[in-house]
Amino acid sequence: MGIVLGKIISWLLVALACLTAFACFSDSVIGGSLAIAAAVFFCPLSWKMLRRFAAQEVPTGAFIILALVTYFAGTGMAISNFDDKKQAVQQGFANLEDYQAANKLGLDAASYAKHLDGLAAVERQKAEEAKATQAKVASACRQDLQCWADENQFDAIMACKPAVQKLAKYDYEWTDGITSPIFSRLAWSEKKSGMIIYFGDEIKFQNGLGNFVRHTYACTFDPVSKLAVNVSAESGRL
């Protein structure tokens, strides 16, 4: 009779812990999780599995004590969070996180709002300084041929390569690779507008006899429109 009554009480405690977990989750995820854990420790069905896991005979009382400790820890945490939320609302904080952060700093709602405004102002200033630095670097790069050409090289390849290919009367064959870049020389076409002339000699055009002959090429690239505005080629090497 005593064993049956004990199991009935355990199942009632399981139900209580589950209901408590449901209520706790709105105020504390950790508190709700602890209440779920307490329900597991209260449950007679879990005792066998826990004993098997422990590889020894664990007294039922140990499970009950562990369940009670876990249960009260979870409910205590949830109650504490509930009280903190209530205090946060009463003192004019936007949320619990702000209330807890302000408490650590010893600030009231108004002072904490000023503190946040100050932090935001510092971040804005940092962003503006970073933007100004980037603009300065970009401006310096724009005046340097090598830097400006390197910055636009990918777009130049995408625009110039098909334009050079169209100059072939018959077939063509590219010879560029890791050690032989498609462009090997540079020049300003118009520095004011930023247009660059890319030179290279990594292509062979097929002639009327079927032979592939090395050619040099020049491609004027406009970084604004991303277009090859002029392209030419002639036999030979740079």
Protein backbone atom coordinates (compact mmCIF):
# COMPACT_ATOMS: atom_id res chain seq x y z
CA MET A 1 0.00 0.00 0.00
CA GLY A 2 2.84 2.35 0.92
CA ILE A 3 4.60 1.74 -2.40
CA VAL A 4 1.42 2.43 -4.36
CA LEU A 5 0.75 5.60 -2.41
CA GLY A 6 4.35 6.72 -2.97
CA LYS A 7 4.02 6.25 -6.73
CA ILE A 8 0.73 8.16 -6.76
CA ILE A 9 2.38 11.04 -4.92
CA SER A 10 5.34 10.89 -7.35
CA TRP A 11 3.02 11.13 -10.35
CA LEU A 12 1.21 14.06 -8.76
CA LEU A 13 4.57 15.75 -8.28
CA VAL A 14 5.41 15.05 -11.93
CA ALA A 15 2.17 16.79 -12.94
CA LEU A 16 2.92 19.69 -10.61
CA ALA A 17 6.46 20.07 -11.99
CA CYS A 18 5.16 20.04 -15.59
CA LEU A 19 2.57 22.71 -14.81
CA THR A 20 5.22 24.75 -13.02
CA ALA A 21 7.58 24.41 -16.00
CA PHE A 22 4.84 25.69 -18.32
CA ALA A 23 4.34 28.72 -16.05
CA CYS A 24 8.06 29.31 -15.55
CA PHE A 25 9.06 29.40 -19.21
CA SER A 26 7.42 32.81 -19.71
CA ASP A 27 9.68 34.31 -17.04
CA SER A 28 12.80 32.13 -17.20
CA VAL A 29 13.86 29.56 -19.76
CA ILE A 30 16.40 28.14 -17.33
CA GLY A 31 13.80 28.01 -14.56
CA GLY A 32 11.36 26.20 -16.84
CA SER A 33 14.09 23.77 -17.90
CA LEU A 34 14.92 23.00 -14.27
CA ALA A 35 11.23 22.32 -13.57
CA ILE A 36 11.18 19.87 -16.50
CA ALA A 37 14.26 18.18 -15.05
CA ALA A 38 12.48 17.97 -11.69
CA ALA A 39 9.53 16.26 -13.40
CA VAL A 40 11.94 13.67 -14.82
CA PHE A 41 13.46 13.01 -11.39
CA PHE A 42 9.98 12.74 -9.83
CA CYS A 43 8.84 10.22 -12.46
CA PRO A 44 9.01 6.55 -11.30
CA LEU A 45 9.52 5.41 -14.90
CA SER A 46 12.81 7.30 -15.15
CA TRP A 47 14.29 5.81 -11.98
CA LYS A 48 15.11 2.48 -13.64
CA MET A 49 16.85 4.19 -16.55
CA LEU A 50 18.79 6.49 -14.22
CA ARG A 51 19.87 3.51 -12.08
CA ARG A 52 20.97 1.65 -15.19
CA PHE A 53 22.93 4.69 -16.33
CA ALA A 54 24.55 5.04 -12.89
CA ALA A 55 25.30 1.27 -12.91
CA GLN A 56 24.33 1.00 -9.26
CA GLU A 57 21.32 0.88 -6.97
CA VAL A 58 20.34 4.48 -6.22
CA PRO A 59 17.81 4.95 -3.39
CA THR A 60 14.43 6.35 -4.40
CA GLY A 61 14.88 9.04 -1.77
CA ALA A 62 17.91 10.34 -3.63
CA PHE A 63 15.78 10.93 -6.74
CA ILE A 64 13.13 12.71 -4.69
CA ILE A 65 15.71 14.96 -3.01
CA LEU A 66 17.34 15.75 -6.34
CA ALA A 67 13.93 16.49 -7.84
CA LEU A 68 12.98 18.81 -4.98
CA VAL A 69 16.28 20.71 -5.17
CA THR A 70 15.93 21.10 -8.94
CA TYR A 71 12.26 22.09 -8.65
CA PHE A 72 12.81 24.79 -6.05
CA ALA A 73 15.88 26.10 -7.88
CA GLY A 74 13.82 26.48 -11.05
CA THR A 75 10.82 28.07 -9.38
CA GLY A 76 13.08 30.38 -7.38
CA MET A 77 14.79 31.55 -10.55
CA ALA A 78 11.45 32.11 -12.29
CA ILE A 79 10.07 34.05 -9.29
CA SER A 80 13.22 36.18 -9.19
CA ASN A 81 12.90 36.97 -12.89
CA PHE A 82 9.21 37.77 -12.46
CA ASP A 83 10.01 40.20 -9.66
CA ASP A 84 12.77 41.77 -11.75
CA LYS A 85 10.38 42.22 -14.70
CA LYS A 86 7.86 43.85 -12.38
CA GLN A 87 10.53 46.20 -11.04
CA ALA A 88 11.72 46.96 -14.58
CA VAL A 89 8.23 48.03 -15.66
CA GLN A 90 7.64 50.08 -12.52
CA GLN A 91 10.95 51.90 -12.88
CA GLY A 92 10.42 52.68 -16.57
CA PHE A 93 12.85 50.28 -18.25
CA ALA A 94 12.10 48.96 -21.73
CA ASN A 95 12.89 45.35 -20.83
CA LEU A 96 14.41 43.07 -18.22
CA GLU A 97 17.83 43.06 -19.88
CA ASP A 98 18.10 46.85 -19.63
CA TYR A 99 16.98 46.73 -15.99
CA GLN A 100 19.61 44.14 -15.09
CA ALA A 101 22.35 45.98 -17.00
CA ALA A 102 21.41 49.26 -15.31
CA ASN A 103 21.51 47.62 -11.88
CA LYS A 104 25.06 46.42 -12.53
CA LEU A 105 26.04 50.00 -13.36
CA GLY A 106 24.04 51.47 -10.49
CA LEU A 107 21.88 53.59 -12.81
CA ASP A 108 18.19 54.44 -12.87
CA ALA A 109 16.10 54.34 -16.07
CA ALA A 110 16.81 57.94 -17.10
CA SER A 111 20.55 57.66 -16.45
CA TYR A 112 20.71 54.34 -18.27
CA ALA A 113 18.94 55.85 -21.28
CA LYS A 114 21.59 58.60 -21.37
CA HIS A 115 24.26 55.92 -21.03
CA LEU A 116 22.85 54.08 -24.07
CA ASP A 117 22.67 57.34 -26.03
CA GLY A 118 26.32 57.97 -25.22
CA LEU A 119 27.32 54.49 -26.39
CA ALA A 120 25.32 54.95 -29.60
CA ALA A 121 27.03 58.31 -30.21
CA VAL A 122 30.45 56.70 -29.79
CA GLU A 123 29.54 53.94 -32.26
CA ARG A 124 28.25 56.50 -34.76
CA GLN A 125 31.48 58.47 -34.44
CA LYS A 126 33.53 55.31 -35.00
CA ALA A 127 31.46 54.44 -38.07
CA GLU A 128 31.89 57.96 -39.47
CA GLU A 129 35.65 57.86 -38.86
CA ALA A 130 35.91 54.46 -40.53
CA LYS A 131 33.89 55.75 -43.48
CA ALA A 132 36.12 58.80 -43.78
CA THR A 133 39.24 56.61 -43.65
CA GLN A 134 37.85 54.34 -46.36
CA ALA A 135 37.02 57.36 -48.52
CA LYS A 136 40.56 58.71 -48.06
CA VAL A 137 42.10 55.37 -49.02
CA ALA A 138 39.76 55.08 -52.02
CA SER A 139 40.66 58.60 -53.15
CA ALA A 140 44.38 57.85 -52.91
CA CYS A 141 43.89 54.60 -54.84
CA ARG A 142 41.95 56.44 -57.53
CA GLN A 143 45.03 58.58 -58.26
CA ASP A 144 47.44 55.62 -58.38
CA LEU A 145 47.46 53.71 -61.68
CA GLN A 146 48.53 50.34 -60.27
CA CYS A 147 46.12 50.48 -57.32
CA TRP A 148 43.21 51.64 -59.51
CA ALA A 149 43.94 48.99 -62.13
CA ASP A 150 44.18 46.23 -59.51
CA GLU A 151 40.87 47.31 -57.99
CA ASN A 152 39.13 47.13 -61.37
CA GLN A 153 41.04 44.19 -62.84
CA PHE A 154 38.30 41.57 -62.41
CA ASP A 155 35.72 43.75 -64.16
CA ALA A 156 38.27 44.62 -66.83
CA ILE A 157 38.94 40.94 -67.55
CA MET A 158 35.21 40.22 -67.77
CA ALA A 159 34.74 43.08 -70.25
CA CYS A 160 38.00 42.94 -72.25
CA LYS A 161 38.44 39.21 -72.73
CA PRO A 162 35.34 38.69 -74.92
CA ALA A 163 36.08 41.97 -76.75
CA VAL A 164 39.60 40.76 -77.64
CA GLN A 165 38.23 37.37 -78.72
CA LYS A 166 35.92 39.08 -81.21
CA LEU A 167 38.98 40.42 -83.05
CA ALA A 168 39.89 36.90 -84.17
CA LYS A 169 39.13 36.28 -87.84
CA TYR A 170 39.08 32.53 -87.32
CA ASP A 171 39.78 30.74 -84.05
CA TYR A 172 41.72 31.91 -80.98
CA GLU A 173 43.60 30.39 -78.06
CA TRP A 174 44.32 32.03 -74.70
CA THR A 175 47.70 31.26 -73.12
CA ASP A 176 47.28 33.10 -69.81
CA GLY A 177 47.61 31.28 -66.50
CA ILE A 178 48.80 31.64 -62.91
CA THR A 179 52.31 32.68 -63.96
CA SER A 180 51.15 34.49 -67.12
CA PRO A 181 48.44 37.05 -66.26
CA ILE A 182 46.14 38.26 -69.02
CA PHE A 183 47.34 41.87 -68.51
CA SER A 184 51.01 42.68 -68.05
CA ARG A 185 51.17 46.46 -68.66
CA LEU A 186 49.04 49.47 -67.82
CA ALA A 187 48.51 53.07 -68.87
CA TRP A 188 46.07 55.84 -68.23
CA SER A 189 43.64 56.41 -71.07
CA GLU A 190 42.10 59.37 -69.30
CA LYS A 191 43.12 59.85 -65.67
CA LYS A 192 40.36 62.36 -64.94
CA SER A 193 37.62 59.89 -65.83
CA GLY A 194 39.57 56.94 -64.46
CA MET A 195 39.75 55.00 -67.73
CA ILE A 196 42.65 52.54 -67.97
CA ILE A 197 44.37 50.82 -70.89
CA TYR A 198 45.22 47.21 -70.11
CA PHE A 199 47.89 45.59 -72.30
CA GLY A 200 48.73 41.92 -72.74
CA ASP A 201 50.03 39.31 -75.16
CA GLU A 202 48.51 36.06 -73.92
CA ILE A 203 46.41 35.16 -76.95
CA LYS A 204 47.00 33.41 -80.27
CA PHE A 205 44.86 34.08 -83.33
CA GLN A 206 44.52 31.50 -86.07
CA ASN A 207 45.52 32.73 -89.54
CA GLY A 208 44.31 31.61 -92.95
CA LEU A 209 46.85 28.76 -93.01
CA GLY A 210 45.53 27.32 -89.75
CA ASN A 211 48.54 28.41 -87.71
CA PHE A 212 48.11 30.09 -84.31
CA VAL A 213 50.11 33.32 -84.06
CA ARG A 214 50.81 35.21 -80.83
CA HIS A 215 49.21 38.67 -80.66
CA THR A 216 49.40 41.68 -78.37
CA TYR A 217 46.22 43.50 -77.40
CA ALA A 218 45.17 46.76 -75.77
CA CYS A 219 41.83 47.26 -74.03
CA THR A 220 40.57 50.61 -72.81
CA PHE A 221 38.30 49.96 -69.84
CA ASP A 222 35.81 52.37 -68.27
CA PRO A 223 35.39 51.55 -64.53
CA VAL A 224 32.19 53.61 -64.37
CA SER A 225 30.25 51.78 -67.07
CA LYS A 226 32.27 48.53 -66.62
CA LEU A 227 32.66 48.38 -70.41
CA ALA A 228 35.56 47.90 -72.81
CA VAL A 229 35.27 51.14 -74.80
CA ASN A 230 38.11 50.37 -77.23
CA VAL A 231 40.11 47.27 -78.10
CA SER A 232 42.85 46.50 -80.64
CA ALA A 233 45.31 43.71 -81.40
CA GLU A 234 48.35 43.06 -83.61
CA SER A 235 50.75 40.20 -84.11
CA GLY A 236 53.83 40.06 -81.90
CA ARG A 237 54.69 40.18 -78.21
CA LEU A 238 55.13 42.96 -75.69
